[in-house]
């Protein structure tokens, strides 16, 4: 069963985005830091709008981490600037 998106929001501090996903009956918390939000958007901006615009990409990265990294159902998943850069590189269609 694939992880399923539930909701996403930016913490009131504005420093971290939170995405809630469900996998195998457990809710998983995905944290995306400010630098990662800047990396994912063009022009770089870390706000609620950018988080919502790119929630699909964030969920795709998180789903890969959930499936590939055996972790406790209660452990948090972190999406970093490096994760975003790796995702962009793997989806680059320019030659």
PDB file of N, CA and C in Angstrom:
ATOM      1  N   UNK A   1       0.848  -1.177   0.000  1.00  0.00           N
ATOM      2  CA  UNK A   1       0.000   0.000   0.000  1.00  0.00           C
ATOM      3  C   UNK A   1       0.896   1.243   0.000  1.00  0.00           C
ATOM      4  N   UNK A   2       0.579   2.188  -0.839  1.00  0.00           N
ATOM      5  CA  UNK A   2       1.354   3.417  -0.936  1.00  0.00           C
ATOM      6  C   UNK A   2       0.957   4.407   0.154  1.00  0.00           C
ATOM      7  N   UNK A   3       1.903   5.211   0.603  1.00  0.00           N
ATOM      8  CA  UNK A   3       1.565   6.265   1.572  1.00  0.00           C
ATOM      9  C   UNK A   3       0.551   7.235   0.955  1.00  0.00           C
ATOM     10  N   UNK A   4      -0.335   7.756   1.787  1.00  0.00           N
ATOM     11  CA  UNK A   4      -1.413   8.629   1.318  1.00  0.00           C
ATOM     12  C   UNK A   4      -1.325   9.983   2.017  1.00  0.00           C
ATOM     13  N   UNK A   5      -1.479  11.054   1.220  1.00  0.00           N
ATOM     14  CA  UNK A   5      -1.469  12.425   1.731  1.00  0.00           C
ATOM     15  C   UNK A   5      -2.718  12.691   2.567  1.00  0.00           C
ATOM     16  N   UNK A   6      -2.535  13.375   3.708  1.00  0.00           N
ATOM     17  CA  UNK A   6      -3.670  13.786   4.544  1.00  0.00           C
ATOM     18  C   UNK A   6      -3.811  15.306   4.522  1.00  0.00           C
ATOM     19  N   UNK A   7      -2.775  16.033   4.961  1.00  0.00           N
ATOM     20  CA  UNK A   7      -2.837  17.492   5.001  1.00  0.00           C
ATOM     21  C   UNK A   7      -1.427  18.073   5.062  1.00  0.00           C
ATOM     22  N   UNK A   8      -1.321  19.376   4.810  1.00  0.00           N
ATOM     23  CA  UNK A   8      -0.030  20.069   4.884  1.00  0.00           C
ATOM     24  C   UNK A   8      -0.258  21.478   5.415  1.00  0.00           C
ATOM     25  N   UNK A   9       0.711  21.961   6.209  1.00  0.00           N
ATOM     26  CA  UNK A   9       0.623  23.322   6.731  1.00  0.00           C
ATOM     27  C   UNK A   9       2.008  23.813   7.103  1.00  0.00           C
ATOM     28  N   UNK A  10       2.156  25.119   7.190  1.00  0.00           N
ATOM     29  CA  UNK A  10       3.397  25.741   7.631  1.00  0.00           C
ATOM     30  C   UNK A  10       3.240  26.054   9.108  1.00  0.00           C
ATOM     31  N   UNK A  11       4.236  25.696   9.902  1.00  0.00           N
ATOM     32  CA  UNK A  11       4.171  26.023  11.333  1.00  0.00           C
ATOM     33  C   UNK A  11       4.137  27.534  11.496  1.00  0.00           C
ATOM     34  N   UNK A  12       3.559  28.005  12.579  1.00  0.00           N
ATOM     35  CA  UNK A  12       3.391  29.445  12.803  1.00  0.00           C
ATOM     36  C   UNK A  12       4.723  30.186  12.833  1.00  0.00           C
ATOM     37  N   UNK A  13       5.806  29.505  13.192  1.00  0.00           N
ATOM     38  CA  UNK A  13       7.126  30.150  13.191  1.00  0.00           C
ATOM     39  C   UNK A  13       7.601  30.424  11.770  1.00  0.00           C
ATOM     40  N   UNK A  14       7.042  29.695  10.798  1.00  0.00           N
ATOM     41  CA  UNK A  14       7.437  29.857   9.409  1.00  0.00           C
ATOM     42  C   UNK A  14       8.729  29.142   9.064  1.00  0.00           C
ATOM     43  N   UNK A  15       9.296  28.422  10.015  1.00  0.00           N
ATOM     44  CA  UNK A  15      10.589  27.755   9.793  1.00  0.00           C
ATOM     45  C   UNK A  15      10.451  26.342   9.231  1.00  0.00           C
ATOM     46  N   UNK A  16       9.304  25.718   9.428  1.00  0.00           N
ATOM     47  CA  UNK A  16       9.139  24.320   9.031  1.00  0.00           C
ATOM     48  C   UNK A  16       7.749  24.082   8.464  1.00  0.00           C
ATOM     49  N   UNK A  17       7.705  23.331   7.376  1.00  0.00           N
ATOM     50  CA  UNK A  17       6.444  22.856   6.836  1.00  0.00           C
ATOM     51  C   UNK A  17       6.184  21.464   7.385  1.00  0.00           C
ATOM     52  N   UNK A  18       4.924  21.130   7.538  1.00  0.00           N
ATOM     53  CA  UNK A  18       4.535  19.818   8.052  1.00  0.00           C
ATOM     54  C   UNK A  18       3.546  19.200   7.073  1.00  0.00           C
ATOM     55  N   UNK A  19       3.819  17.964   6.697  1.00  0.00           N
ATOM     56  CA  UNK A  19       2.910  17.200   5.850  1.00  0.00           C
ATOM     57  C   UNK A  19       2.550  15.944   6.625  1.00  0.00           C
ATOM     58  N   UNK A  20       1.274  15.655   6.723  1.00  0.00           N
ATOM     59  CA  UNK A  20       0.822  14.421   7.371  1.00  0.00           C
ATOM     60  C   UNK A  20       0.436  13.428   6.283  1.00  0.00           C
ATOM     61  N   UNK A  21       0.956  12.212   6.433  1.00  0.00           N
ATOM     62  CA  UNK A  21       0.652  11.146   5.492  1.00  0.00           C
ATOM     63  C   UNK A  21       0.211   9.920   6.291  1.00  0.00           C
ATOM     64  N   UNK A  22      -0.461   9.010   5.623  1.00  0.00           N
ATOM     65  CA  UNK A  22      -0.862   7.755   6.262  1.00  0.00           C
ATOM     66  C   UNK A  22      -0.208   6.612   5.511  1.00  0.00           C
ATOM     67  N   UNK A  23       0.371   5.680   6.278  1.00  0.00           N
ATOM     68  CA  UNK A  23       0.986   4.501   5.668  1.00  0.00           C
ATOM     69  C   UNK A  23       0.778   3.306   6.587  1.00  0.00           C
ATOM     70  N   UNK A  24       0.173   2.284   6.040  1.00  0.00           N
ATOM     71  CA  UNK A  24      -0.093   1.054   6.781  1.00  0.00           C
ATOM     72  C   UNK A  24      -0.810   1.319   8.100  1.00  0.00           C
ATOM     73  N   UNK A  25      -1.803   2.186   8.058  1.00  0.00           N
ATOM     74  CA  UNK A  25      -2.635   2.460   9.214  1.00  0.00           C
ATOM     75  C   UNK A  25      -2.075   3.440  10.225  1.00  0.00           C
ATOM     76  N   UNK A  26      -0.863   3.939   9.988  1.00  0.00           N
ATOM     77  CA  UNK A  26      -0.253   4.892  10.921  1.00  0.00           C
ATOM     78  C   UNK A  26      -0.051   6.242  10.234  1.00  0.00           C
ATOM     79  N   UNK A  27      -0.263   7.310  10.993  1.00  0.00           N
ATOM     80  CA  UNK A  27       0.029   8.641  10.458  1.00  0.00           C
ATOM     81  C   UNK A  27       1.518   8.896  10.547  1.00  0.00           C
ATOM     82  N   UNK A  28       2.076   9.440   9.485  1.00  0.00           N
ATOM     83  CA  UNK A  28       3.504   9.770   9.441  1.00  0.00           C
ATOM     84  C   UNK A  28       3.643  11.279   9.305  1.00  0.00           C
ATOM     85  N   UNK A  29       4.516  11.852  10.074  1.00  0.00           N
ATOM     86  CA  UNK A  29       4.785  13.290  10.044  1.00  0.00           C
ATOM     87  C   UNK A  29       6.012  13.522   9.170  1.00  0.00           C
ATOM     88  N   UNK A  30       5.846  14.390   8.175  1.00  0.00           N
ATOM     89  CA  UNK A  30       6.939  14.752   7.282  1.00  0.00           C
ATOM     90  C   UNK A  30       7.274  16.211   7.559  1.00  0.00           C
ATOM     91  N   UNK A  31       8.541  16.480   7.884  1.00  0.00           N
ATOM     92  CA  UNK A  31       8.994  17.845   8.151  1.00  0.00           C
ATOM     93  C   UNK A  31       9.837  18.314   6.983  1.00  0.00           C
ATOM     94  N   UNK A  32       9.553  19.512   6.499  1.00  0.00           N
ATOM     95  CA  UNK A  32      10.329  20.100   5.415  1.00  0.00           C
ATOM     96  C   UNK A  32      10.824  21.459   5.893  1.00  0.00           C
ATOM     97  N   UNK A  33      12.137  21.628   5.910  1.00  0.00           N
ATOM     98  CA  UNK A  33      12.696  22.858   6.469  1.00  0.00           C
ATOM     99  C   UNK A  33      12.651  24.016   5.473  1.00  0.00           C
ATOM    100  N   UNK A  34      12.917  25.190   5.979  1.00  0.00           N
ATOM    101  CA  UNK A  34      12.843  26.435   5.206  1.00  0.00           C
ATOM    102  C   UNK A  34      13.746  26.414   3.969  1.00  0.00           C
ATOM    103  N   UNK A  35      14.970  25.888   4.119  1.00  0.00           N
ATOM    104  CA  UNK A  35      15.887  25.817   2.980  1.00  0.00           C
ATOM    105  C   UNK A  35      15.354  24.899   1.889  1.00  0.00           C
ATOM    106  N   UNK A  36      14.716  23.809   2.282  1.00  0.00           N
ATOM    107  CA  UNK A  36      14.133  22.891   1.300  1.00  0.00           C
ATOM    108  C   UNK A  36      12.980  23.559   0.558  1.00  0.00           C
ATOM    109  N   UNK A  37      12.157  24.332   1.268  1.00  0.00           N
ATOM    110  CA  UNK A  37      11.071  25.052   0.601  1.00  0.00           C
ATOM    111  C   UNK A  37      11.623  26.060  -0.405  1.00  0.00           C
ATOM    112  N   UNK A  38      12.706  26.720  -0.041  1.00  0.00           N
ATOM    113  CA  UNK A  38      13.331  27.665  -0.984  1.00  0.00           C
ATOM    114  C   UNK A  38      13.882  26.927  -2.202  1.00  0.00           C
ATOM    115  N   UNK A  39      14.475  25.768  -1.962  1.00  0.00           N
ATOM    116  CA  UNK A  39      15.079  24.986  -3.051  1.00  0.00           C
ATOM    117  C   UNK A  39      14.033  24.500  -4.050  1.00  0.00           C
ATOM    118  N   UNK A  40      12.851  24.196  -3.562  1.00  0.00           N
ATOM    119  CA  UNK A  40      11.817  23.616  -4.424  1.00  0.00           C
ATOM    120  C   UNK A  40      11.107  24.664  -5.283  1.00  0.00           C
ATOM    121  N   UNK A  41      11.171  25.916  -4.886  1.00  0.00           N
ATOM    122  CA  UNK A  41      10.383  26.932  -5.584  1.00  0.00           C
ATOM    123  C   UNK A  41      11.246  27.878  -6.415  1.00  0.00           C
ATOM    124  N   UNK A  42      10.627  28.406  -7.454  1.00  0.00           N
ATOM    125  CA  UNK A  42      11.305  29.353  -8.323  1.00  0.00           C
ATOM    126  C   UNK A  42      10.337  30.484  -8.632  1.00  0.00           C
ATOM    127  N   UNK A  43      10.581  31.690  -8.183  1.00  0.00           N
ATOM    128  CA  UNK A  43      11.743  32.123  -7.419  1.00  0.00           C
ATOM    129  C   UNK A  43      11.683  31.582  -5.990  1.00  0.00           C
ATOM    130  N   UNK A  44      12.856  31.450  -5.357  1.00  0.00           N
ATOM    131  CA  UNK A  44      12.924  30.877  -4.009  1.00  0.00           C
ATOM    132  C   UNK A  44      12.085  31.667  -3.005  1.00  0.00           C
ATOM    133  N   UNK A  45      11.196  30.959  -2.338  1.00  0.00           N
ATOM    134  CA  UNK A  45      10.356  31.564  -1.303  1.00  0.00           C
ATOM    135  C   UNK A  45       9.891  30.457  -0.368  1.00  0.00           C
ATOM    136  N   UNK A  46       9.886  30.701   0.900  1.00  0.00           N
ATOM    137  CA  UNK A  46       9.472  29.695   1.881  1.00  0.00           C
ATOM    138  C   UNK A  46       8.231  30.196   2.604  1.00  0.00           C
ATOM    139  N   UNK A  47       7.066  29.863   2.063  1.00  0.00           N
ATOM    140  CA  UNK A  47       5.818  30.273   2.690  1.00  0.00           C
ATOM    141  C   UNK A  47       4.742  29.215   2.444  1.00  0.00           C
ATOM    142  N   UNK A  48       3.583  29.453   2.991  1.00  0.00           N
ATOM    143  CA  UNK A  48       2.468  28.501   2.892  1.00  0.00           C
ATOM    144  C   UNK A  48       2.091  28.215   1.440  1.00  0.00           C
ATOM    145  N   UNK A  49       2.111  29.242   0.605  1.00  0.00           N
ATOM    146  CA  UNK A  49       1.757  29.066  -0.804  1.00  0.00           C
ATOM    147  C   UNK A  49       2.699  28.091  -1.486  1.00  0.00           C
ATOM    148  N   UNK A  50       4.002  28.265  -1.267  1.00  0.00           N
ATOM    149  CA  UNK A  50       4.991  27.366  -1.877  1.00  0.00           C
ATOM    150  C   UNK A  50       4.813  25.934  -1.361  1.00  0.00           C
ATOM    151  N   UNK A  51       4.553  25.794  -0.095  1.00  0.00           N
ATOM    152  CA  UNK A  51       4.333  24.466   0.463  1.00  0.00           C
ATOM    153  C   UNK A  51       3.150  23.795  -0.236  1.00  0.00           C
ATOM    154  N   UNK A  52       2.049  24.505  -0.367  1.00  0.00           N
ATOM    155  CA  UNK A  52       0.856  23.939  -0.998  1.00  0.00           C
ATOM    156  C   UNK A  52       1.080  23.658  -2.486  1.00  0.00           C
ATOM    157  N   UNK A  53       1.816  24.528  -3.174  1.00  0.00           N
ATOM    158  CA  UNK A  53       2.089  24.327  -4.599  1.00  0.00           C
ATOM    159  C   UNK A  53       2.914  23.069  -4.851  1.00  0.00           C
ATOM    160  N   UNK A  54       3.782  22.728  -3.928  1.00  0.00           N
ATOM    161  CA  UNK A  54       4.719  21.629  -4.148  1.00  0.00           C
ATOM    162  C   UNK A  54       4.485  20.434  -3.238  1.00  0.00           C
ATOM    163  N   UNK A  55       3.302  20.335  -2.672  1.00  0.00           N
ATOM    164  CA  UNK A  55       3.013  19.233  -1.754  1.00  0.00           C
ATOM    165  C   UNK A  55       3.112  17.879  -2.466  1.00  0.00           C
ATOM    166  N   UNK A  56       2.796  17.822  -3.743  1.00  0.00           N
ATOM    167  CA  UNK A  56       2.913  16.562  -4.487  1.00  0.00           C
ATOM    168  C   UNK A  56       4.344  16.065  -4.547  1.00  0.00           C
ATOM    169  N   UNK A  57       5.259  16.972  -4.825  1.00  0.00           N
ATOM    170  CA  UNK A  57       6.681  16.624  -4.865  1.00  0.00           C
ATOM    171  C   UNK A  57       7.164  16.191  -3.489  1.00  0.00           C
ATOM    172  N   UNK A  58       6.783  16.933  -2.471  1.00  0.00           N
ATOM    173  CA  UNK A  58       7.180  16.597  -1.102  1.00  0.00           C
ATOM    174  C   UNK A  58       6.661  15.207  -0.731  1.00  0.00           C
ATOM    175  N   UNK A  59       5.422  14.925  -1.083  1.00  0.00           N
ATOM    176  CA  UNK A  59       4.847  13.612  -0.789  1.00  0.00           C
ATOM    177  C   UNK A  59       5.571  12.503  -1.558  1.00  0.00           C
ATOM    178  N   UNK A  60       5.955  12.779  -2.791  1.00  0.00           N
ATOM    179  CA  UNK A  60       6.686  11.792  -3.584  1.00  0.00           C
ATOM    180  C   UNK A  60       8.030  11.455  -2.920  1.00  0.00           C
ATOM    181  N   UNK A  61       8.746  12.481  -2.491  1.00  0.00           N
ATOM    182  CA  UNK A  61      10.028  12.272  -1.810  1.00  0.00           C
ATOM    183  C   UNK A  61       9.811  11.512  -0.501  1.00  0.00           C
ATOM    184  N   UNK A  62       8.821  11.938   0.273  1.00  0.00           N
ATOM    185  CA  UNK A  62       8.537  11.284   1.556  1.00  0.00           C
ATOM    186  C   UNK A  62       8.113   9.832   1.359  1.00  0.00           C
ATOM    187  N   UNK A  63       7.297   9.564   0.342  1.00  0.00           N
ATOM    188  CA  UNK A  63       6.848   8.195   0.081  1.00  0.00           C
ATOM    189  C   UNK A  63       8.034   7.292  -0.238  1.00  0.00           C
ATOM    190  N   UNK A  64       8.988   7.796  -1.005  1.00  0.00           N
ATOM    191  CA  UNK A  64      10.204   7.019  -1.302  1.00  0.00           C
ATOM    192  C   UNK A  64      10.971   6.725  -0.020  1.00  0.00           C
ATOM    193  N   UNK A  65      11.087   7.724   0.837  1.00  0.00           N
ATOM    194  CA  UNK A  65      11.801   7.521   2.100  1.00  0.00           C
ATOM    195  C   UNK A  65      11.075   6.511   2.990  1.00  0.00           C
ATOM    196  N   UNK A  66       9.771   6.585   3.036  1.00  0.00           N
ATOM    197  CA  UNK A  66       8.987   5.658   3.857  1.00  0.00           C
ATOM    198  C   UNK A  66       9.191   4.230   3.367  1.00  0.00           C
ATOM    199  N   UNK A  67       9.147   4.030   2.051  1.00  0.00           N
ATOM    200  CA  UNK A  67       9.275   2.682   1.497  1.00  0.00           C
ATOM    201  C   UNK A  67      10.699   2.144   1.564  1.00  0.00           C
ATOM    202  N   UNK A  68      11.702   3.019   1.417  1.00  0.00           N
ATOM    203  CA  UNK A  68      13.084   2.564   1.326  1.00  0.00           C
ATOM    204  C   UNK A  68      13.828   2.518   2.658  1.00  0.00           C
ATOM    205  N   UNK A  69      13.396   3.312   3.618  1.00  0.00           N
ATOM    206  CA  UNK A  69      14.097   3.378   4.896  1.00  0.00           C
ATOM    207  C   UNK A  69      13.226   2.772   5.990  1.00  0.00           C
ATOM    208  N   UNK A  70      13.570   1.570   6.428  1.00  0.00           N
ATOM    209  CA  UNK A  70      12.752   0.965   7.486  1.00  0.00           C
ATOM    210  C   UNK A  70      12.858   1.783   8.774  1.00  0.00           C
ATOM    211  N   UNK A  71      11.731   2.312   9.190  1.00  0.00           N
ATOM    212  CA  UNK A  71      11.680   3.140  10.394  1.00  0.00           C
ATOM    213  C   UNK A  71      10.439   2.776  11.189  1.00  0.00           C
ATOM    214  N   UNK A  72      10.420   3.228  12.381  1.00  0.00           N
ATOM    215  CA  UNK A  72       9.249   3.046  13.216  1.00  0.00           C
ATOM    216  C   UNK A  72       8.073   3.803  12.606  1.00  0.00           C
ATOM    217  N   UNK A  73       6.885   3.302  12.804  1.00  0.00           N
ATOM    218  CA  UNK A  73       5.690   3.979  12.290  1.00  0.00           C
ATOM    219  C   UNK A  73       5.508   5.350  12.918  1.00  0.00           C
ATOM    220  N   UNK A  74       6.225   5.608  14.020  1.00  0.00           N
ATOM    221  CA  UNK A  74       6.063   6.884  14.705  1.00  0.00           C
ATOM    222  C   UNK A  74       7.228   7.841  14.465  1.00  0.00           C
ATOM    223  N   UNK A  75       8.241   7.404  13.723  1.00  0.00           N
ATOM    224  CA  UNK A  75       9.385   8.281  13.466  1.00  0.00           C
ATOM    225  C   UNK A  75       9.022   9.315  12.402  1.00  0.00           C
ATOM    226  N   UNK A  76       9.634  10.471  12.518  1.00  0.00           N
ATOM    227  CA  UNK A  76       9.377  11.556  11.573  1.00  0.00           C
ATOM    228  C   UNK A  76      10.257  11.392  10.345  1.00  0.00           C
ATOM    229  N   UNK A  77       9.739  11.858   9.224  1.00  0.00           N
ATOM    230  CA  UNK A  77      10.484  11.865   7.974  1.00  0.00           C
ATOM    231  C   UNK A  77      10.929  13.304   7.754  1.00  0.00           C
ATOM    232  N   UNK A  78      12.172  13.508   7.413  1.00  0.00           N
ATOM    233  CA  UNK A  78      12.679  14.858   7.144  1.00  0.00           C
ATOM    234  C   UNK A  78      13.000  14.993   5.664  1.00  0.00           C
ATOM    235  N   UNK A  79      12.507  16.071   5.062  1.00  0.00           N
ATOM    236  CA  UNK A  79      12.818  16.391   3.671  1.00  0.00           C
ATOM    237  C   UNK A  79      13.716  17.620   3.702  1.00  0.00           C
ATOM    238  N   UNK A  80      14.936  17.449   3.207  1.00  0.00           N
ATOM    239  CA  UNK A  80      15.942  18.503   3.264  1.00  0.00           C
ATOM    240  C   UNK A  80      16.170  19.141   1.894  1.00  0.00           C
ATOM    241  N   UNK A  81      16.983  20.164   1.901  1.00  0.00           N
ATOM    242  CA  UNK A  81      17.394  20.828   0.661  1.00  0.00           C
ATOM    243  C   UNK A  81      18.072  19.818  -0.266  1.00  0.00           C
ATOM    244  N   UNK A  82      18.888  18.946   0.292  1.00  0.00           N
ATOM    245  CA  UNK A  82      19.573  17.924  -0.507  1.00  0.00           C
ATOM    246  C   UNK A  82      18.588  16.945  -1.137  1.00  0.00           C
ATOM    247  N   UNK A  83      17.532  16.587  -0.423  1.00  0.00           N
ATOM    248  CA  UNK A  83      16.496  15.702  -0.981  1.00  0.00           C
ATOM    249  C   UNK A  83      15.817  16.356  -2.180  1.00  0.00           C
ATOM    250  N   UNK A  84      15.537  17.653  -2.049  1.00  0.00           N
ATOM    251  CA  UNK A  84      14.892  18.391  -3.141  1.00  0.00           C
ATOM    252  C   UNK A  84      15.820  18.459  -4.347  1.00  0.00           C
ATOM    253  N   UNK A  85      17.104  18.763  -4.105  1.00  0.00           N
ATOM    254  CA  UNK A  85      18.079  18.846  -5.201  1.00  0.00           C
ATOM    255  C   UNK A  85      18.206  17.495  -5.912  1.00  0.00           C
ATOM    256  N   UNK A  86      18.232  16.410  -5.159  1.00  0.00           N
ATOM    257  CA  UNK A  86      18.324  15.069  -5.759  1.00  0.00           C
ATOM    258  C   UNK A  86      17.067  14.765  -6.574  1.00  0.00           C
ATOM    259  N   UNK A  87      15.896  15.146  -6.067  1.00  0.00           N
ATOM    260  CA  UNK A  87      14.655  14.921  -6.803  1.00  0.00           C
ATOM    261  C   UNK A  87      14.669  15.714  -8.112  1.00  0.00           C
ATOM    262  N   UNK A  88      15.090  16.978  -8.038  1.00  0.00           N
ATOM    263  CA  UNK A  88      15.167  17.805  -9.255  1.00  0.00           C
ATOM    264  C   UNK A  88      16.111  17.171 -10.279  1.00  0.00           C
ATOM    265  N   UNK A  89      17.261  16.712  -9.828  1.00  0.00           N
ATOM    266  CA  UNK A  89      18.237  16.112 -10.731  1.00  0.00           C
ATOM    267  C   UNK A  89      17.673  14.856 -11.399  1.00  0.00           C
ATOM    268  N   UNK A  90      16.920  14.072 -10.657  1.00  0.00           N
ATOM    269  CA  UNK A  90      16.356  12.845 -11.219  1.00  0.00           C
ATOM    270  C   UNK A  90      15.179  13.107 -12.139  1.00  0.00           C
ATOM    271  N   UNK A  91      14.600  14.299 -12.067  1.00  0.00           N
ATOM    272  CA  UNK A  91      13.457  14.658 -12.912  1.00  0.00           C
ATOM    273  C   UNK A  91      13.802  15.717 -13.958  1.00  0.00           C
ATOM    274  N   UNK A  92      15.076  15.985 -14.127  1.00  0.00           N
ATOM    275  CA  UNK A  92      15.528  16.982 -15.101  1.00  0.00           C
ATOM    276  C   UNK A  92      15.334  16.419 -16.501  1.00  0.00           C
ATOM    277  N   UNK A  93      14.547  17.098 -17.313  1.00  0.00           N
ATOM    278  CA  UNK A  93      14.272  16.623 -18.675  1.00  0.00           C
ATOM    279  C   UNK A  93      15.121  17.328 -19.717  1.00  0.00           C
ATOM    280  N   UNK A  94      15.914  18.299 -19.293  1.00  0.00           N
ATOM    281  CA  UNK A  94      16.798  18.983 -20.233  1.00  0.00           C
ATOM    282  C   UNK A  94      18.056  18.155 -20.443  1.00  0.00           C
ATOM    283  N   UNK A  95      18.608  18.274 -21.617  1.00  0.00           N
ATOM    284  CA  UNK A  95      19.841  17.525 -21.927  1.00  0.00           C
ATOM    285  C   UNK A  95      20.945  18.466 -22.254  1.00  0.00           C
TER     286      UNK A  95
END
